[in-house]
């Protein structure tokens, strides 16, 4: 279903399975990694992860592999979350329109009705969470890029106050306006994820 909705940019299936087995093993031995232990998440394809492609919804960065990891991804990992996939987005996050179009990677579809728009630019995050492929997803908001998909897809999304969440390792669009945030299905999930990623 993820591929049919065009919301998945890249699936780390082998790594995800290995990480899930490791999480199960830790839990069986009584070791809880954190409040997100074993929870599968996927994220907008603009949060850099060392050794993994971060294409930012573009053709020109299709093979770009960063050497650093975004602080938000590190925080989620430390809390036990499983990072299973990269999610499609508007090219370079330059479209906060209601459409969420991307002619390069194909436009993510709204799982409630494929004829409806997902909103952009975090279109893949909205689609994947609304389809219940993952419990939540990182997104970003510079001019509505998180709030619009959350609204179009019937989700909870938050654009944190400036400085509440680190922008380190996230593709920059406008330094004075960029806000990493989360999209989830419930307010409690949103509060939990925000609490994990918040901080310097």
C-alpha atoms as a PDB file:
ATOM      1  CA  UNK A   1       0.000   0.000   0.000  1.00  0.00           C
ATOM      2  CA  UNK A   2       2.906   2.391   0.662  1.00  0.00           C
ATOM      3  CA  UNK A   3       4.073   2.129  -2.919  1.00  0.00           C
ATOM      4  CA  UNK A   4       0.518   2.457  -4.284  1.00  0.00           C
ATOM      5  CA  UNK A   5       0.127   5.724  -2.374  1.00  0.00           C
ATOM      6  CA  UNK A   6       3.499   7.014  -3.666  1.00  0.00           C
ATOM      7  CA  UNK A   7       4.400   8.070  -0.136  1.00  0.00           C
ATOM      8  CA  UNK A   8       7.546   5.950   0.291  1.00  0.00           C
ATOM      9  CA  UNK A   9      10.793   7.287  -1.177  1.00  0.00           C
ATOM     10  CA  UNK A  10      12.984   4.479   0.140  1.00  0.00           C
ATOM     11  CA  UNK A  11      12.376   1.483   2.381  1.00  0.00           C
ATOM     12  CA  UNK A  12      15.175   0.195   4.625  1.00  0.00           C
ATOM     13  CA  UNK A  13      13.631  -3.267   4.899  1.00  0.00           C
ATOM     14  CA  UNK A  14      16.687  -5.311   5.894  1.00  0.00           C
ATOM     15  CA  UNK A  15      17.901  -2.761   8.433  1.00  0.00           C
ATOM     16  CA  UNK A  16      14.359  -2.375   9.785  1.00  0.00           C
ATOM     17  CA  UNK A  17      14.032  -6.138  10.317  1.00  0.00           C
ATOM     18  CA  UNK A  18      17.408  -6.333  12.036  1.00  0.00           C
ATOM     19  CA  UNK A  19      16.569  -3.361  14.271  1.00  0.00           C
ATOM     20  CA  UNK A  20      13.175  -4.889  15.122  1.00  0.00           C
ATOM     21  CA  UNK A  21      14.789  -8.200  16.107  1.00  0.00           C
ATOM     22  CA  UNK A  22      17.301  -6.322  18.238  1.00  0.00           C
ATOM     23  CA  UNK A  23      14.483  -4.366  19.912  1.00  0.00           C
ATOM     24  CA  UNK A  24      12.609  -7.622  20.621  1.00  0.00           C
ATOM     25  CA  UNK A  25      15.738  -9.165  22.076  1.00  0.00           C
ATOM     26  CA  UNK A  26      16.333  -6.172  24.351  1.00  0.00           C
ATOM     27  CA  UNK A  27      12.741  -6.238  25.541  1.00  0.00           C
ATOM     28  CA  UNK A  28      12.910  -9.980  26.243  1.00  0.00           C
ATOM     29  CA  UNK A  29      15.979  -9.395  28.411  1.00  0.00           C
ATOM     30  CA  UNK A  30      14.228  -6.636  30.344  1.00  0.00           C
ATOM     31  CA  UNK A  31      15.995  -3.701  28.716  1.00  0.00           C
ATOM     32  CA  UNK A  32      13.652  -0.881  27.672  1.00  0.00           C
ATOM     33  CA  UNK A  33      15.360   1.597  25.351  1.00  0.00           C
ATOM     34  CA  UNK A  34      12.858   4.375  25.921  1.00  0.00           C
ATOM     35  CA  UNK A  35       9.250   5.486  25.424  1.00  0.00           C
ATOM     36  CA  UNK A  36       9.330   4.575  21.706  1.00  0.00           C
ATOM     37  CA  UNK A  37      10.923   1.132  22.063  1.00  0.00           C
ATOM     38  CA  UNK A  38      10.249  -0.792  18.845  1.00  0.00           C
ATOM     39  CA  UNK A  39       7.801   1.749  17.396  1.00  0.00           C
ATOM     40  CA  UNK A  40       8.120   1.931  13.571  1.00  0.00           C
ATOM     41  CA  UNK A  41       8.386   5.464  12.199  1.00  0.00           C
ATOM     42  CA  UNK A  42       9.231   6.925   8.794  1.00  0.00           C
ATOM     43  CA  UNK A  43      10.288  10.459   7.955  1.00  0.00           C
ATOM     44  CA  UNK A  44      10.236  13.168   5.336  1.00  0.00           C
ATOM     45  CA  UNK A  45      13.182  12.647   2.991  1.00  0.00           C
ATOM     46  CA  UNK A  46      15.046  15.765   4.129  1.00  0.00           C
ATOM     47  CA  UNK A  47      16.311  14.623   7.518  1.00  0.00           C
ATOM     48  CA  UNK A  48      19.873  13.454   6.983  1.00  0.00           C
ATOM     49  CA  UNK A  49      21.028  10.061   8.247  1.00  0.00           C
ATOM     50  CA  UNK A  50      24.678   9.137   7.955  1.00  0.00           C
ATOM     51  CA  UNK A  51      25.236   6.513   5.269  1.00  0.00           C
ATOM     52  CA  UNK A  52      21.704   6.679   3.845  1.00  0.00           C
ATOM     53  CA  UNK A  53      20.468   8.544   0.785  1.00  0.00           C
ATOM     54  CA  UNK A  54      18.643  11.820   1.439  1.00  0.00           C
ATOM     55  CA  UNK A  55      17.262  12.923  -1.914  1.00  0.00           C
ATOM     56  CA  UNK A  56      15.048  15.776  -0.638  1.00  0.00           C
ATOM     57  CA  UNK A  57      12.445  14.916  -3.255  1.00  0.00           C
ATOM     58  CA  UNK A  58      14.807  15.881  -6.063  1.00  0.00           C
ATOM     59  CA  UNK A  59      16.588  14.350  -9.018  1.00  0.00           C
ATOM     60  CA  UNK A  60      19.838  16.253  -8.437  1.00  0.00           C
ATOM     61  CA  UNK A  61      20.297  14.711  -4.941  1.00  0.00           C
ATOM     62  CA  UNK A  62      19.083  11.220  -5.886  1.00  0.00           C
ATOM     63  CA  UNK A  63      22.408   9.730  -4.826  1.00  0.00           C
ATOM     64  CA  UNK A  64      23.329  12.139  -2.023  1.00  0.00           C
ATOM     65  CA  UNK A  65      24.549  10.311   1.085  1.00  0.00           C
ATOM     66  CA  UNK A  66      25.184  12.617   4.065  1.00  0.00           C
ATOM     67  CA  UNK A  67      27.913  12.041   6.613  1.00  0.00           C
ATOM     68  CA  UNK A  68      25.938  13.468   9.517  1.00  0.00           C
ATOM     69  CA  UNK A  69      22.679  12.491  11.187  1.00  0.00           C
ATOM     70  CA  UNK A  70      19.901  14.921  12.062  1.00  0.00           C
ATOM     71  CA  UNK A  71      19.513  15.564  15.772  1.00  0.00           C
ATOM     72  CA  UNK A  72      15.809  14.705  15.584  1.00  0.00           C
ATOM     73  CA  UNK A  73      16.610  11.257  14.135  1.00  0.00           C
ATOM     74  CA  UNK A  74      19.256  10.666  16.802  1.00  0.00           C
ATOM     75  CA  UNK A  75      16.798  11.588  19.551  1.00  0.00           C
ATOM     76  CA  UNK A  76      14.105   9.277  18.181  1.00  0.00           C
ATOM     77  CA  UNK A  77      16.638   6.452  17.880  1.00  0.00           C
ATOM     78  CA  UNK A  78      17.796   6.994  21.462  1.00  0.00           C
ATOM     79  CA  UNK A  79      14.159   6.702  22.574  1.00  0.00           C
ATOM     80  CA  UNK A  80      13.923   3.284  20.892  1.00  0.00           C
ATOM     81  CA  UNK A  81      12.089   4.174  17.664  1.00  0.00           C
ATOM     82  CA  UNK A  82      12.712   2.203  14.485  1.00  0.00           C
ATOM     83  CA  UNK A  83      13.469   4.367  11.425  1.00  0.00           C
ATOM     84  CA  UNK A  84      12.116   2.199   8.621  1.00  0.00           C
ATOM     85  CA  UNK A  85      11.731   4.470   5.586  1.00  0.00           C
ATOM     86  CA  UNK A  86      12.180   7.804   3.842  1.00  0.00           C
ATOM     87  CA  UNK A  87       8.971   9.520   2.750  1.00  0.00           C
ATOM     88  CA  UNK A  88       8.310  11.454  -0.437  1.00  0.00           C
ATOM     89  CA  UNK A  89       7.966  15.204  -0.370  1.00  0.00           C
ATOM     90  CA  UNK A  90       7.654  18.206  -2.642  1.00  0.00           C
ATOM     91  CA  UNK A  91      10.999  18.821  -4.363  1.00  0.00           C
ATOM     92  CA  UNK A  92      13.296  20.655  -1.920  1.00  0.00           C
ATOM     93  CA  UNK A  93      10.205  21.416   0.223  1.00  0.00           C
ATOM     94  CA  UNK A  94       9.493  24.419  -1.983  1.00  0.00           C
ATOM     95  CA  UNK A  95       5.756  23.981  -2.215  1.00  0.00           C
ATOM     96  CA  UNK A  96       3.450  24.499   0.746  1.00  0.00           C
ATOM     97  CA  UNK A  97       0.436  24.395  -1.549  1.00  0.00           C
ATOM     98  CA  UNK A  98      -2.462  22.086  -0.868  1.00  0.00           C
ATOM     99  CA  UNK A  99      -1.409  19.827  -3.740  1.00  0.00           C
ATOM    100  CA  UNK A 100       1.899  18.333  -2.561  1.00  0.00           C
ATOM    101  CA  UNK A 101       2.920  17.644  -6.163  1.00  0.00           C
ATOM    102  CA  UNK A 102       6.238  16.147  -7.218  1.00  0.00           C
ATOM    103  CA  UNK A 103       6.670  15.164 -10.865  1.00  0.00           C
ATOM    104  CA  UNK A 104      10.044  13.535 -10.130  1.00  0.00           C
ATOM    105  CA  UNK A 105       9.109  11.060  -7.400  1.00  0.00           C
ATOM    106  CA  UNK A 106       5.353  11.034  -8.148  1.00  0.00           C
ATOM    107  CA  UNK A 107       2.845  12.790  -5.954  1.00  0.00           C
ATOM    108  CA  UNK A 108       1.769  11.032  -2.746  1.00  0.00           C
ATOM    109  CA  UNK A 109      -1.932  10.206  -2.597  1.00  0.00           C
ATOM    110  CA  UNK A 110      -4.388  10.894   0.173  1.00  0.00           C
ATOM    111  CA  UNK A 111      -5.352   7.478   1.624  1.00  0.00           C
ATOM    112  CA  UNK A 112      -8.850   8.686   2.526  1.00  0.00           C
ATOM    113  CA  UNK A 113      -9.522   9.323  -1.147  1.00  0.00           C
ATOM    114  CA  UNK A 114      -6.799   9.119  -3.836  1.00  0.00           C
ATOM    115  CA  UNK A 115      -8.555  11.910  -5.731  1.00  0.00           C
ATOM    116  CA  UNK A 116      -8.046  14.284  -2.799  1.00  0.00           C
ATOM    117  CA  UNK A 117      -4.802  16.192  -2.276  1.00  0.00           C
ATOM    118  CA  UNK A 118      -2.411  15.433   0.577  1.00  0.00           C
ATOM    119  CA  UNK A 119      -1.090  18.945   0.995  1.00  0.00           C
ATOM    120  CA  UNK A 120       2.573  19.843   0.860  1.00  0.00           C
ATOM    121  CA  UNK A 121       5.378  19.903   1.219  1.00  0.00           C
ATOM    122  CA  UNK A 122       5.343  17.053   3.776  1.00  0.00           C
ATOM    123  CA  UNK A 123       2.965  15.108   1.536  1.00  0.00           C
ATOM    124  CA  UNK A 124       4.515  11.682   2.107  1.00  0.00           C
ATOM    125  CA  UNK A 125       4.410  12.130   5.880  1.00  0.00           C
ATOM    126  CA  UNK A 126       0.717  12.968   5.775  1.00  0.00           C
ATOM    127  CA  UNK A 127      -0.082  10.071   3.454  1.00  0.00           C
ATOM    128  CA  UNK A 128       1.911   7.425   5.358  1.00  0.00           C
ATOM    129  CA  UNK A 129       0.546   8.326   8.789  1.00  0.00           C
ATOM    130  CA  UNK A 130      -3.056   8.653   7.583  1.00  0.00           C
ATOM    131  CA  UNK A 131      -2.755   5.232   5.919  1.00  0.00           C
ATOM    132  CA  UNK A 132      -1.524   3.826   9.250  1.00  0.00           C
ATOM    133  CA  UNK A 133       1.695   2.593   7.730  1.00  0.00           C
ATOM    134  CA  UNK A 134       3.539   4.177  10.663  1.00  0.00           C
ATOM    135  CA  UNK A 135       2.501   5.702  13.975  1.00  0.00           C
ATOM    136  CA  UNK A 136       4.096   9.039  13.214  1.00  0.00           C
ATOM    137  CA  UNK A 137       6.511  10.866  10.961  1.00  0.00           C
ATOM    138  CA  UNK A 138       8.900  13.762  11.036  1.00  0.00           C
ATOM    139  CA  UNK A 139       7.894  16.650   8.827  1.00  0.00           C
ATOM    140  CA  UNK A 140       8.939  20.258   8.464  1.00  0.00           C
ATOM    141  CA  UNK A 141       7.155  23.588   8.353  1.00  0.00           C
ATOM    142  CA  UNK A 142       8.488  26.753   6.783  1.00  0.00           C
ATOM    143  CA  UNK A 143       5.254  28.168   5.396  1.00  0.00           C
ATOM    144  CA  UNK A 144       2.638  25.529   6.187  1.00  0.00           C
ATOM    145  CA  UNK A 145       4.442  22.411   4.925  1.00  0.00           C
ATOM    146  CA  UNK A 146       3.486  20.379   7.997  1.00  0.00           C
ATOM    147  CA  UNK A 147       0.191  21.958   9.009  1.00  0.00           C
ATOM    148  CA  UNK A 148      -1.396  21.692   5.552  1.00  0.00           C
ATOM    149  CA  UNK A 149      -0.812  17.915   5.115  1.00  0.00           C
ATOM    150  CA  UNK A 150      -1.974  17.317   8.695  1.00  0.00           C
ATOM    151  CA  UNK A 151      -5.195  19.148   7.909  1.00  0.00           C
ATOM    152  CA  UNK A 152      -5.744  17.570   4.476  1.00  0.00           C
ATOM    153  CA  UNK A 153      -5.134  14.048   5.794  1.00  0.00           C
ATOM    154  CA  UNK A 154      -7.131  14.338   9.028  1.00  0.00           C
ATOM    155  CA  UNK A 155      -4.095  14.174  11.316  1.00  0.00           C
ATOM    156  CA  UNK A 156      -2.518  15.979  14.237  1.00  0.00           C
ATOM    157  CA  UNK A 157       0.530  18.050  13.349  1.00  0.00           C
ATOM    158  CA  UNK A 158       2.536  20.592  15.273  1.00  0.00           C
ATOM    159  CA  UNK A 159       4.860  23.342  14.144  1.00  0.00           C
ATOM    160  CA  UNK A 160       6.912  23.860  17.320  1.00  0.00           C
ATOM    161  CA  UNK A 161       7.972  27.300  18.451  1.00  0.00           C
ATOM    162  CA  UNK A 162      11.242  28.455  16.917  1.00  0.00           C
ATOM    163  CA  UNK A 163      14.214  26.797  18.620  1.00  0.00           C
ATOM    164  CA  UNK A 164      12.148  24.166  20.442  1.00  0.00           C
ATOM    165  CA  UNK A 165      13.459  21.466  18.081  1.00  0.00           C
ATOM    166  CA  UNK A 166      16.947  21.328  16.584  1.00  0.00           C
ATOM    167  CA  UNK A 167      17.274  21.938  12.838  1.00  0.00           C
ATOM    168  CA  UNK A 168      20.738  20.334  12.717  1.00  0.00           C
ATOM    169  CA  UNK A 169      20.965  17.777   9.926  1.00  0.00           C
ATOM    170  CA  UNK A 170      17.749  18.878   8.241  1.00  0.00           C
ATOM    171  CA  UNK A 171      17.805  20.269   4.706  1.00  0.00           C
ATOM    172  CA  UNK A 172      17.667  24.053   5.059  1.00  0.00           C
ATOM    173  CA  UNK A 173      15.093  26.074   3.168  1.00  0.00           C
ATOM    174  CA  UNK A 174      14.874  29.350   5.106  1.00  0.00           C
ATOM    175  CA  UNK A 175      16.964  29.393   8.296  1.00  0.00           C
ATOM    176  CA  UNK A 176      14.762  31.956  10.037  1.00  0.00           C
ATOM    177  CA  UNK A 177      11.535  30.057   9.280  1.00  0.00           C
ATOM    178  CA  UNK A 178      12.344  26.310   9.239  1.00  0.00           C
ATOM    179  CA  UNK A 179      10.690  24.254  11.980  1.00  0.00           C
ATOM    180  CA  UNK A 180      11.046  20.456  12.278  1.00  0.00           C
ATOM    181  CA  UNK A 181       7.904  18.901  13.711  1.00  0.00           C
ATOM    182  CA  UNK A 182       5.795  15.755  13.790  1.00  0.00           C
ATOM    183  CA  UNK A 183       2.629  14.382  12.215  1.00  0.00           C
ATOM    184  CA  UNK A 184       0.650  11.737  14.108  1.00  0.00           C
ATOM    185  CA  UNK A 185      -2.866  10.305  14.355  1.00  0.00           C
ATOM    186  CA  UNK A 186      -3.563  11.443  17.925  1.00  0.00           C
ATOM    187  CA  UNK A 187      -2.765  14.359  20.197  1.00  0.00           C
ATOM    188  CA  UNK A 188      -1.142  12.072  22.773  1.00  0.00           C
ATOM    189  CA  UNK A 189       1.160  10.568  20.120  1.00  0.00           C
ATOM    190  CA  UNK A 190       2.039  14.065  18.944  1.00  0.00           C
ATOM    191  CA  UNK A 191       2.896  15.156  22.492  1.00  0.00           C
ATOM    192  CA  UNK A 192       5.024  12.046  23.032  1.00  0.00           C
ATOM    193  CA  UNK A 193       7.052  12.497  19.839  1.00  0.00           C
ATOM    194  CA  UNK A 194       7.498  16.227  20.387  1.00  0.00           C
ATOM    195  CA  UNK A 195       8.746  15.556  23.898  1.00  0.00           C
ATOM    196  CA  UNK A 196      11.349  13.158  22.501  1.00  0.00           C
ATOM    197  CA  UNK A 197      12.683  15.419  19.733  1.00  0.00           C
ATOM    198  CA  UNK A 198      12.566  18.701  21.672  1.00  0.00           C
ATOM    199  CA  UNK A 199      15.806  20.220  22.887  1.00  0.00           C
ATOM    200  CA  UNK A 200      18.993  21.914  21.767  1.00  0.00           C
END
